[in-house]
Amino acid sequence: MKIGEVLKELYRVIEKRKEELPEGSYTASLFKAGEDRILQKVGEEAIETILALKSGNKKDAVYEVSDLLYHLTVALVSKGITYDEVAEELERRMK
């Protein structure tokens, strides 16, 4: 799958977890914990991503970027911001 397809599917799965709040789901536990916890995780993962990129270890960097994208997607879903809206803004900036 390409990144756009993966992110769309990830967004869909996270929306479903938010809606259903299944027991034992890490994603559901984030939504239950609330906005502060979700945003805290985004911050933690951003720092870990920076450190991994700085280390030069590509495998670690890919892992941490994946964690960051996941937690960022949880934050976007929690705020009702879609990747299409983000894409529109990025397209606007490329002009």
PDB file of N, CA and C in Angstrom:
ATOM      1  N   MET A   1       0.837  -1.190   0.000  1.00  0.00           N
ATOM      2  CA  MET A   1       0.000   0.000   0.000  1.00  0.00           C
ATOM      3  C   MET A   1       0.876   1.245   0.000  1.00  0.00           C
ATOM      4  N   LYS A   2       0.387   2.287  -0.604  1.00  0.00           N
ATOM      5  CA  LYS A   2       1.099   3.563  -0.595  1.00  0.00           C
ATOM      6  C   LYS A   2       0.699   4.350   0.645  1.00  0.00           C
ATOM      7  N   ILE A   3       1.504   5.337   1.005  1.00  0.00           N
ATOM      8  CA  ILE A   3       1.310   6.075   2.257  1.00  0.00           C
ATOM      9  C   ILE A   3      -0.083   6.700   2.358  1.00  0.00           C
ATOM     10  N   GLY A   4      -0.577   7.260   1.256  1.00  0.00           N
ATOM     11  CA  GLY A   4      -1.902   7.868   1.290  1.00  0.00           C
ATOM     12  C   GLY A   4      -2.987   6.853   1.628  1.00  0.00           C
ATOM     13  N   GLU A   5      -2.878   5.672   1.047  1.00  0.00           N
ATOM     14  CA  GLU A   5      -3.840   4.602   1.318  1.00  0.00           C
ATOM     15  C   GLU A   5      -3.740   4.133   2.763  1.00  0.00           C
ATOM     16  N   VAL A   6      -2.518   4.007   3.240  1.00  0.00           N
ATOM     17  CA  VAL A   6      -2.298   3.565   4.627  1.00  0.00           C
ATOM     18  C   VAL A   6      -2.880   4.583   5.603  1.00  0.00           C
ATOM     19  N   LEU A   7      -2.611   5.862   5.365  1.00  0.00           N
ATOM     20  CA  LEU A   7      -3.122   6.899   6.278  1.00  0.00           C
ATOM     21  C   LEU A   7      -4.644   6.973   6.253  1.00  0.00           C
ATOM     22  N   LYS A   8      -5.244   6.814   5.073  1.00  0.00           N
ATOM     23  CA  LYS A   8      -6.715   6.810   4.997  1.00  0.00           C
ATOM     24  C   LYS A   8      -7.301   5.638   5.775  1.00  0.00           C
ATOM     25  N   GLU A   9      -6.691   4.465   5.622  1.00  0.00           N
ATOM     26  CA  GLU A   9      -7.175   3.289   6.338  1.00  0.00           C
ATOM     27  C   GLU A   9      -6.947   3.447   7.844  1.00  0.00           C
ATOM     28  N   LEU A  10      -5.786   3.962   8.220  1.00  0.00           N
ATOM     29  CA  LEU A  10      -5.504   4.211   9.632  1.00  0.00           C
ATOM     30  C   LEU A  10      -6.545   5.158  10.214  1.00  0.00           C
ATOM     31  N   TYR A  11      -6.848   6.226   9.499  1.00  0.00           N
ATOM     32  CA  TYR A  11      -7.841   7.205   9.949  1.00  0.00           C
ATOM     33  C   TYR A  11      -9.195   6.520  10.154  1.00  0.00           C
ATOM     34  N   ARG A  12      -9.572   5.666   9.189  1.00  0.00           N
ATOM     35  CA  ARG A  12     -10.858   4.971   9.269  1.00  0.00           C
ATOM     36  C   ARG A  12     -10.906   4.050  10.490  1.00  0.00           C
ATOM     37  N   VAL A  13      -9.836   3.307  10.729  1.00  0.00           N
ATOM     38  CA  VAL A  13      -9.780   2.397  11.876  1.00  0.00           C
ATOM     39  C   VAL A  13      -9.859   3.184  13.183  1.00  0.00           C
ATOM     40  N   ILE A  14      -9.141   4.295  13.259  1.00  0.00           N
ATOM     41  CA  ILE A  14      -9.149   5.105  14.481  1.00  0.00           C
ATOM     42  C   ILE A  14     -10.534   5.706  14.710  1.00  0.00           C
ATOM     43  N   GLU A  15     -11.182   6.163  13.651  1.00  0.00           N
ATOM     44  CA  GLU A  15     -12.566   6.664  13.796  1.00  0.00           C
ATOM     45  C   GLU A  15     -13.479   5.585  14.365  1.00  0.00           C
ATOM     46  N   LYS A  16     -13.320   4.369  13.860  1.00  0.00           N
ATOM     47  CA  LYS A  16     -14.144   3.247  14.330  1.00  0.00           C
ATOM     48  C   LYS A  16     -13.867   2.959  15.808  1.00  0.00           C
ATOM     49  N   ARG A  17     -12.599   2.992  16.192  1.00  0.00           N
ATOM     50  CA  ARG A  17     -12.247   2.759  17.602  1.00  0.00           C
ATOM     51  C   ARG A  17     -12.857   3.847  18.496  1.00  0.00           C
ATOM     52  N   LYS A  18     -12.858   5.078  18.013  1.00  0.00           N
ATOM     53  CA  LYS A  18     -13.438   6.182  18.783  1.00  0.00           C
ATOM     54  C   LYS A  18     -14.937   5.971  18.954  1.00  0.00           C
ATOM     55  N   GLU A  19     -15.580   5.527  17.899  1.00  0.00           N
ATOM     56  CA  GLU A  19     -17.015   5.305  17.907  1.00  0.00           C
ATOM     57  C   GLU A  19     -17.412   4.144  18.806  1.00  0.00           C
ATOM     58  N   GLU A  20     -16.692   3.040  18.688  1.00  0.00           N
ATOM     59  CA  GLU A  20     -17.066   1.807  19.378  1.00  0.00           C
ATOM     60  C   GLU A  20     -16.416   1.639  20.751  1.00  0.00           C
ATOM     61  N   LEU A  21     -15.261   2.282  20.964  1.00  0.00           N
ATOM     62  CA  LEU A  21     -14.492   2.165  22.209  1.00  0.00           C
ATOM     63  C   LEU A  21     -14.375   0.718  22.692  1.00  0.00           C
ATOM     64  N   PRO A  22     -13.826  -0.169  21.831  1.00  0.00           N
ATOM     65  CA  PRO A  22     -13.735  -1.579  22.221  1.00  0.00           C
ATOM     66  C   PRO A  22     -12.796  -1.791  23.409  1.00  0.00           C
ATOM     67  N   GLU A  23     -13.188  -2.693  24.267  1.00  0.00           N
ATOM     68  CA  GLU A  23     -12.386  -3.037  25.445  1.00  0.00           C
ATOM     69  C   GLU A  23     -11.046  -3.617  24.988  1.00  0.00           C
ATOM     70  N   GLY A  24      -9.972  -3.209  25.627  1.00  0.00           N
ATOM     71  CA  GLY A  24      -8.647  -3.724  25.308  1.00  0.00           C
ATOM     72  C   GLY A  24      -7.949  -3.009  24.166  1.00  0.00           C
ATOM     73  N   SER A  25      -8.600  -2.025  23.559  1.00  0.00           N
ATOM     74  CA  SER A  25      -8.001  -1.283  22.446  1.00  0.00           C
ATOM     75  C   SER A  25      -7.183  -0.112  22.991  1.00  0.00           C
ATOM     76  N   TYR A  26      -5.910  -0.045  22.579  1.00  0.00           N
ATOM     77  CA  TYR A  26      -5.065   1.077  22.994  1.00  0.00           C
ATOM     78  C   TYR A  26      -5.647   2.394  22.488  1.00  0.00           C
ATOM     79  N   THR A  27      -6.118   2.384  21.250  1.00  0.00           N
ATOM     80  CA  THR A  27      -6.699   3.594  20.672  1.00  0.00           C
ATOM     81  C   THR A  27      -7.911   4.047  21.486  1.00  0.00           C
ATOM     82  N   ALA A  28      -8.785   3.119  21.826  1.00  0.00           N
ATOM     83  CA  ALA A  28      -9.954   3.452  22.635  1.00  0.00           C
ATOM     84  C   ALA A  28      -9.534   4.009  23.993  1.00  0.00           C
ATOM     85  N   SER A  29      -8.462   3.445  24.565  1.00  0.00           N
ATOM     86  CA  SER A  29      -8.000   3.934  25.871  1.00  0.00           C
ATOM     87  C   SER A  29      -7.519   5.383  25.776  1.00  0.00           C
ATOM     88  N   LEU A  30      -6.938   5.754  24.645  1.00  0.00           N
ATOM     89  CA  LEU A  30      -6.524   7.143  24.464  1.00  0.00           C
ATOM     90  C   LEU A  30      -7.744   8.063  24.425  1.00  0.00           C
ATOM     91  N   PHE A  31      -8.769   7.672  23.681  1.00  0.00           N
ATOM     92  CA  PHE A  31      -9.975   8.493  23.621  1.00  0.00           C
ATOM     93  C   PHE A  31     -10.648   8.588  24.987  1.00  0.00           C
ATOM     94  N   LYS A  32     -10.649   7.502  25.735  1.00  0.00           N
ATOM     95  CA  LYS A  32     -11.237   7.513  27.078  1.00  0.00           C
ATOM     96  C   LYS A  32     -10.441   8.419  28.019  1.00  0.00           C
ATOM     97  N   ALA A  33      -9.129   8.467  27.834  1.00  0.00           N
ATOM     98  CA  ALA A  33      -8.267   9.292  28.694  1.00  0.00           C
ATOM     99  C   ALA A  33      -8.430  10.782  28.406  1.00  0.00           C
ATOM    100  N   GLY A  34      -8.829  11.108  27.171  1.00  0.00           N
ATOM    101  CA  GLY A  34      -9.121  12.497  26.850  1.00  0.00           C
ATOM    102  C   GLY A  34      -8.036  13.228  26.088  1.00  0.00           C
ATOM    103  N   GLU A  35      -8.376  14.458  25.746  1.00  0.00           N
ATOM    104  CA  GLU A  35      -7.537  15.304  24.897  1.00  0.00           C
ATOM    105  C   GLU A  35      -6.128  15.507  25.446  1.00  0.00           C
ATOM    106  N   ASP A  36      -6.005  15.784  26.728  1.00  0.00           N
ATOM    107  CA  ASP A  36      -4.673  16.043  27.290  1.00  0.00           C
ATOM    108  C   ASP A  36      -3.740  14.852  27.087  1.00  0.00           C
ATOM    109  N   ARG A  37      -4.246  13.645  27.309  1.00  0.00           N
ATOM    110  CA  ARG A  37      -3.418  12.443  27.149  1.00  0.00           C
ATOM    111  C   ARG A  37      -3.048  12.229  25.685  1.00  0.00           C
ATOM    112  N   ILE A  38      -4.013  12.439  24.789  1.00  0.00           N
ATOM    113  CA  ILE A  38      -3.747  12.283  23.361  1.00  0.00           C
ATOM    114  C   ILE A  38      -2.657  13.252  22.924  1.00  0.00           C
ATOM    115  N   LEU A  39      -2.779  14.491  23.314  1.00  0.00           N
ATOM    116  CA  LEU A  39      -1.796  15.502  22.909  1.00  0.00           C
ATOM    117  C   LEU A  39      -0.446  15.275  23.584  1.00  0.00           C
ATOM    118  N   GLN A  40      -0.463  14.777  24.805  1.00  0.00           N
ATOM    119  CA  GLN A  40       0.787  14.425  25.485  1.00  0.00           C
ATOM    120  C   GLN A  40       1.528  13.351  24.689  1.00  0.00           C
ATOM    121  N   LYS A  41       0.788  12.347  24.211  1.00  0.00           N
ATOM    122  CA  LYS A  41       1.411  11.287  23.425  1.00  0.00           C
ATOM    123  C   LYS A  41       1.985  11.823  22.112  1.00  0.00           C
ATOM    124  N   VAL A  42       1.292  12.759  21.478  1.00  0.00           N
ATOM    125  CA  VAL A  42       1.831  13.367  20.255  1.00  0.00           C
ATOM    126  C   VAL A  42       3.163  14.040  20.572  1.00  0.00           C
ATOM    127  N   GLY A  43       3.211  14.786  21.659  1.00  0.00           N
ATOM    128  CA  GLY A  43       4.446  15.461  22.063  1.00  0.00           C
ATOM    129  C   GLY A  43       5.568  14.483  22.363  1.00  0.00           C
ATOM    130  N   GLU A  44       5.254  13.425  23.110  1.00  0.00           N
ATOM    131  CA  GLU A  44       6.267  12.416  23.431  1.00  0.00           C
ATOM    132  C   GLU A  44       6.818  11.767  22.166  1.00  0.00           C
ATOM    133  N   GLU A  45       5.913  11.422  21.273  1.00  0.00           N
ATOM    134  CA  GLU A  45       6.346  10.754  20.039  1.00  0.00           C
ATOM    135  C   GLU A  45       7.133  11.700  19.138  1.00  0.00           C
ATOM    136  N   ALA A  46       6.795  12.982  19.152  1.00  0.00           N
ATOM    137  CA  ALA A  46       7.554  13.961  18.365  1.00  0.00           C
ATOM    138  C   ALA A  46       8.995  14.025  18.869  1.00  0.00           C
ATOM    139  N   ILE A  47       9.158  14.054  20.179  1.00  0.00           N
ATOM    140  CA  ILE A  47      10.511  14.095  20.760  1.00  0.00           C
ATOM    141  C   ILE A  47      11.271  12.816  20.422  1.00  0.00           C
ATOM    142  N   GLU A  48      10.613  11.669  20.564  1.00  0.00           N
ATOM    143  CA  GLU A  48      11.271  10.401  20.244  1.00  0.00           C
ATOM    144  C   GLU A  48      11.650  10.340  18.763  1.00  0.00           C
ATOM    145  N   THR A  49      10.820  10.915  17.900  1.00  0.00           N
ATOM    146  CA  THR A  49      11.119  10.952  16.470  1.00  0.00           C
ATOM    147  C   THR A  49      12.353  11.802  16.209  1.00  0.00           C
ATOM    148  N   ILE A  50      12.412  12.949  16.837  1.00  0.00           N
ATOM    149  CA  ILE A  50      13.575  13.829  16.681  1.00  0.00           C
ATOM    150  C   ILE A  50      14.847  13.115  17.118  1.00  0.00           C
ATOM    151  N   LEU A  51      14.789  12.465  18.272  1.00  0.00           N
ATOM    152  CA  LEU A  51      15.968  11.759  18.772  1.00  0.00           C
ATOM    153  C   LEU A  51      16.384  10.621  17.848  1.00  0.00           C
ATOM    154  N   ALA A  52      15.409   9.898  17.315  1.00  0.00           N
ATOM    155  CA  ALA A  52      15.726   8.792  16.411  1.00  0.00           C
ATOM    156  C   ALA A  52      16.328   9.312  15.113  1.00  0.00           C
ATOM    157  N   LEU A  53      15.782  10.391  14.598  1.00  0.00           N
ATOM    158  CA  LEU A  53      16.343  10.983  13.371  1.00  0.00           C
ATOM    159  C   LEU A  53      17.759  11.486  13.610  1.00  0.00           C
ATOM    160  N   LYS A  54      17.966  12.091  14.754  1.00  0.00           N
ATOM    161  CA  LYS A  54      19.289  12.618  15.104  1.00  0.00           C
ATOM    162  C   LYS A  54      20.316  11.493  15.251  1.00  0.00           C
ATOM    163  N   SER A  55      19.862  10.339  15.735  1.00  0.00           N
ATOM    164  CA  SER A  55      20.778   9.217  15.961  1.00  0.00           C
ATOM    165  C   SER A  55      21.327   8.636  14.662  1.00  0.00           C
ATOM    166  N   GLY A  56      20.597   8.855  13.582  1.00  0.00           N
ATOM    167  CA  GLY A  56      21.041   8.314  12.301  1.00  0.00           C
ATOM    168  C   GLY A  56      20.644   6.863  12.078  1.00  0.00           C
ATOM    169  N   ASN A  57      19.945   6.276  13.033  1.00  0.00           N
ATOM    170  CA  ASN A  57      19.501   4.894  12.888  1.00  0.00           C
ATOM    171  C   ASN A  57      18.181   4.888  12.120  1.00  0.00           C
ATOM    172  N   LYS A  58      18.245   4.504  10.859  1.00  0.00           N
ATOM    173  CA  LYS A  58      17.072   4.565   9.984  1.00  0.00           C
ATOM    174  C   LYS A  58      15.920   3.699  10.495  1.00  0.00           C
ATOM    175  N   LYS A  59      16.219   2.503  10.958  1.00  0.00           N
ATOM    176  CA  LYS A  59      15.177   1.594  11.450  1.00  0.00           C
ATOM    177  C   LYS A  59      14.437   2.226  12.634  1.00  0.00           C
ATOM    178  N   ASP A  60      15.181   2.793  13.571  1.00  0.00           N
ATOM    179  CA  ASP A  60      14.561   3.457  14.720  1.00  0.00           C
ATOM    180  C   ASP A  60      13.754   4.673  14.281  1.00  0.00           C
ATOM    181  N   ALA A  61      14.268   5.414  13.321  1.00  0.00           N
ATOM    182  CA  ALA A  61      13.576   6.605  12.830  1.00  0.00           C
ATOM    183  C   ALA A  61      12.248   6.228  12.182  1.00  0.00           C
ATOM    184  N   VAL A  62      12.249   5.193  11.355  1.00  0.00           N
ATOM    185  CA  VAL A  62      11.007   4.738  10.709  1.00  0.00           C
ATOM    186  C   VAL A  62       9.998   4.311  11.777  1.00  0.00           C
ATOM    187  N   TYR A  63      10.454   3.602  12.788  1.00  0.00           N
ATOM    188  CA  TYR A  63       9.584   3.152  13.874  1.00  0.00           C
ATOM    189  C   TYR A  63       8.951   4.344  14.599  1.00  0.00           C
ATOM    190  N   GLU A  64       9.766   5.320  14.936  1.00  0.00           N
ATOM    191  CA  GLU A  64       9.271   6.476  15.685  1.00  0.00           C
ATOM    192  C   GLU A  64       8.387   7.385  14.827  1.00  0.00           C
ATOM    193  N   VAL A  65       8.713   7.544  13.565  1.00  0.00           N
ATOM    194  CA  VAL A  65       7.852   8.319  12.670  1.00  0.00           C
ATOM    195  C   VAL A  65       6.490   7.636  12.575  1.00  0.00           C
ATOM    196  N   SER A  66       6.482   6.323  12.522  1.00  0.00           N
ATOM    197  CA  SER A  66       5.218   5.581  12.477  1.00  0.00           C
ATOM    198  C   SER A  66       4.400   5.821  13.740  1.00  0.00           C
ATOM    199  N   ASP A  67       5.055   5.788  14.900  1.00  0.00           N
ATOM    200  CA  ASP A  67       4.362   6.089  16.163  1.00  0.00           C
ATOM    201  C   ASP A  67       3.797   7.510  16.146  1.00  0.00           C
ATOM    202  N   LEU A  68       4.592   8.452  15.664  1.00  0.00           N
ATOM    203  CA  LEU A  68       4.149   9.845  15.612  1.00  0.00           C
ATOM    204  C   LEU A  68       2.937   9.998  14.693  1.00  0.00           C
ATOM    205  N   LEU A  69       2.989   9.401  13.512  1.00  0.00           N
ATOM    206  CA  LEU A  69       1.864   9.492  12.580  1.00  0.00           C
ATOM    207  C   LEU A  69       0.607   8.863  13.169  1.00  0.00           C
ATOM    208  N   TYR A  70       0.759   7.745  13.856  1.00  0.00           N
ATOM    209  CA  TYR A  70      -0.387   7.106  14.509  1.00  0.00           C
ATOM    210  C   TYR A  70      -1.007   8.041  15.549  1.00  0.00           C
ATOM    211  N   HIS A  71      -0.184   8.549  16.456  1.00  0.00           N
ATOM    212  CA  HIS A  71      -0.717   9.402  17.523  1.00  0.00           C
ATOM    213  C   HIS A  71      -1.241  10.734  16.973  1.00  0.00           C
ATOM    214  N   LEU A  72      -0.604  11.259  15.950  1.00  0.00           N
ATOM    215  CA  LEU A  72      -1.097  12.463  15.308  1.00  0.00           C
ATOM    216  C   LEU A  72      -2.463  12.201  14.670  1.00  0.00           C
ATOM    217  N   THR A  73      -2.628  11.024  14.093  1.00  0.00           N
ATOM    218  CA  THR A  73      -3.925  10.675  13.504  1.00  0.00           C
ATOM    219  C   THR A  73      -4.998  10.561  14.580  1.00  0.00           C
ATOM    220  N   VAL A  74      -4.657  10.006  15.717  1.00  0.00           N
ATOM    221  CA  VAL A  74      -5.618   9.969  16.835  1.00  0.00           C
ATOM    222  C   VAL A  74      -6.032  11.392  17.203  1.00  0.00           C
ATOM    223  N   ALA A  75      -5.067  12.302  17.286  1.00  0.00           N
ATOM    224  CA  ALA A  75      -5.364  13.700  17.623  1.00  0.00           C
ATOM    225  C   ALA A  75      -6.250  14.340  16.565  1.00  0.00           C
ATOM    226  N   LEU A  76      -5.964  14.078  15.297  1.00  0.00           N
ATOM    227  CA  LEU A  76      -6.784  14.642  14.220  1.00  0.00           C
ATOM    228  C   LEU A  76      -8.218  14.132  14.302  1.00  0.00           C
ATOM    229  N   VAL A  77      -8.372  12.836  14.489  1.00  0.00           N
ATOM    230  CA  VAL A  77      -9.713  12.258  14.615  1.00  0.00           C
ATOM    231  C   VAL A  77     -10.438  12.870  15.805  1.00  0.00           C
ATOM    232  N   SER A  78      -9.727  13.052  16.910  1.00  0.00           N
ATOM    233  CA  SER A  78     -10.365  13.604  18.111  1.00  0.00           C
ATOM    234  C   SER A  78     -10.881  15.017  17.881  1.00  0.00           C
ATOM    235  N   LYS A  79     -10.257  15.737  16.958  1.00  0.00           N
ATOM    236  CA  LYS A  79     -10.645  17.121  16.663  1.00  0.00           C
ATOM    237  C   LYS A  79     -11.485  17.239  15.392  1.00  0.00           C
ATOM    238  N   GLY A  80     -11.752  16.110  14.748  1.00  0.00           N
ATOM    239  CA  GLY A  80     -12.556  16.147  13.538  1.00  0.00           C
ATOM    240  C   GLY A  80     -11.857  16.774  12.348  1.00  0.00           C
ATOM    241  N   ILE A  81     -10.538  16.697  12.339  1.00  0.00           N
ATOM    242  CA  ILE A  81      -9.743  17.218  11.226  1.00  0.00           C
ATOM    243  C   ILE A  81      -9.378  16.044  10.335  1.00  0.00           C
ATOM    244  N   THR A  82      -9.701  16.143   9.047  1.00  0.00           N
ATOM    245  CA  THR A  82      -9.438  15.042   8.123  1.00  0.00           C
ATOM    246  C   THR A  82      -8.102  15.232   7.412  1.00  0.00           C
ATOM    247  N   TYR A  83      -7.590  14.136   6.884  1.00  0.00           N
ATOM    248  CA  TYR A  83      -6.378  14.227   6.082  1.00  0.00           C
ATOM    249  C   TYR A  83      -6.639  14.975   4.781  1.00  0.00           C
ATOM    250  N   ASP A  84      -7.878  14.950   4.297  1.00  0.00           N
ATOM    251  CA  ASP A  84      -8.200  15.735   3.104  1.00  0.00           C
ATOM    252  C   ASP A  84      -8.019  17.231   3.376  1.00  0.00           C
ATOM    253  N   GLU A  85      -8.394  17.676   4.571  1.00  0.00           N
ATOM    254  CA  GLU A  85      -8.206  19.082   4.931  1.00  0.00           C
ATOM    255  C   GLU A  85      -6.722  19.429   5.013  1.00  0.00           C
ATOM    256  N   VAL A  86      -5.953  18.517   5.567  1.00  0.00           N
ATOM    257  CA  VAL A  86      -4.505  18.725   5.658  1.00  0.00           C
ATOM    258  C   VAL A  86      -3.910  18.757   4.246  1.00  0.00           C
ATOM    259  N   ALA A  87      -4.366  17.853   3.383  1.00  0.00           N
ATOM    260  CA  ALA A  87      -3.869  17.816   2.000  1.00  0.00           C
ATOM    261  C   ALA A  87      -4.175  19.122   1.271  1.00  0.00           C
ATOM    262  N   GLU A  88      -5.372  19.649   1.483  1.00  0.00           N
ATOM    263  CA  GLU A  88      -5.733  20.928   0.849  1.00  0.00           C
ATOM    264  C   GLU A  88      -4.789  22.049   1.289  1.00  0.00           C
ATOM    265  N   GLU A  89      -4.468  22.078   2.574  1.00  0.00           N
ATOM    266  CA  GLU A  89      -3.553  23.102   3.077  1.00  0.00           C
ATOM    267  C   GLU A  89      -2.158  22.925   2.490  1.00  0.00           C
ATOM    268  N   LEU A  90      -1.694  21.687   2.416  1.00  0.00           N
ATOM    269  CA  LEU A  90      -0.371  21.431   1.836  1.00  0.00           C
ATOM    270  C   LEU A  90      -0.340  21.798   0.358  1.00  0.00           C
ATOM    271  N   GLU A  91      -1.404  21.488  -0.363  1.00  0.00           N
ATOM    272  CA  GLU A  91      -1.484  21.869  -1.777  1.00  0.00           C
ATOM    273  C   GLU A  91      -1.449  23.393  -1.923  1.00  0.00           C
ATOM    274  N   ARG A  92      -2.156  24.092  -1.052  1.00  0.00           N
ATOM    275  CA  ARG A  92      -2.174  25.545  -1.078  1.00  0.00           C
ATOM    276  C   ARG A  92      -0.761  26.096  -0.891  1.00  0.00           C
ATOM    277  N   ARG A  93       0.002  25.481  -0.030  1.00  0.00           N
ATOM    278  CA  ARG A  93       1.363  25.943   0.250  1.00  0.00           C
ATOM    279  C   ARG A  93       2.333  25.674  -0.886  1.00  0.00           C
ATOM    280  N   MET A  94       2.003  24.744  -1.752  1.00  0.00           N
ATOM    281  CA  MET A  94       2.900  24.416  -2.869  1.00  0.00           C
ATOM    282  C   MET A  94       2.715  25.347  -4.055  1.00  0.00           C
ATOM    283  N   LYS A  95       1.744  26.213  -3.984  1.00  0.00           N
ATOM    284  CA  LYS A  95       1.482  27.126  -5.119  1.00  0.00           C
ATOM    285  C   LYS A  95       2.353  28.339  -5.074  1.00  0.00           C
TER     286      LYS A  95
END
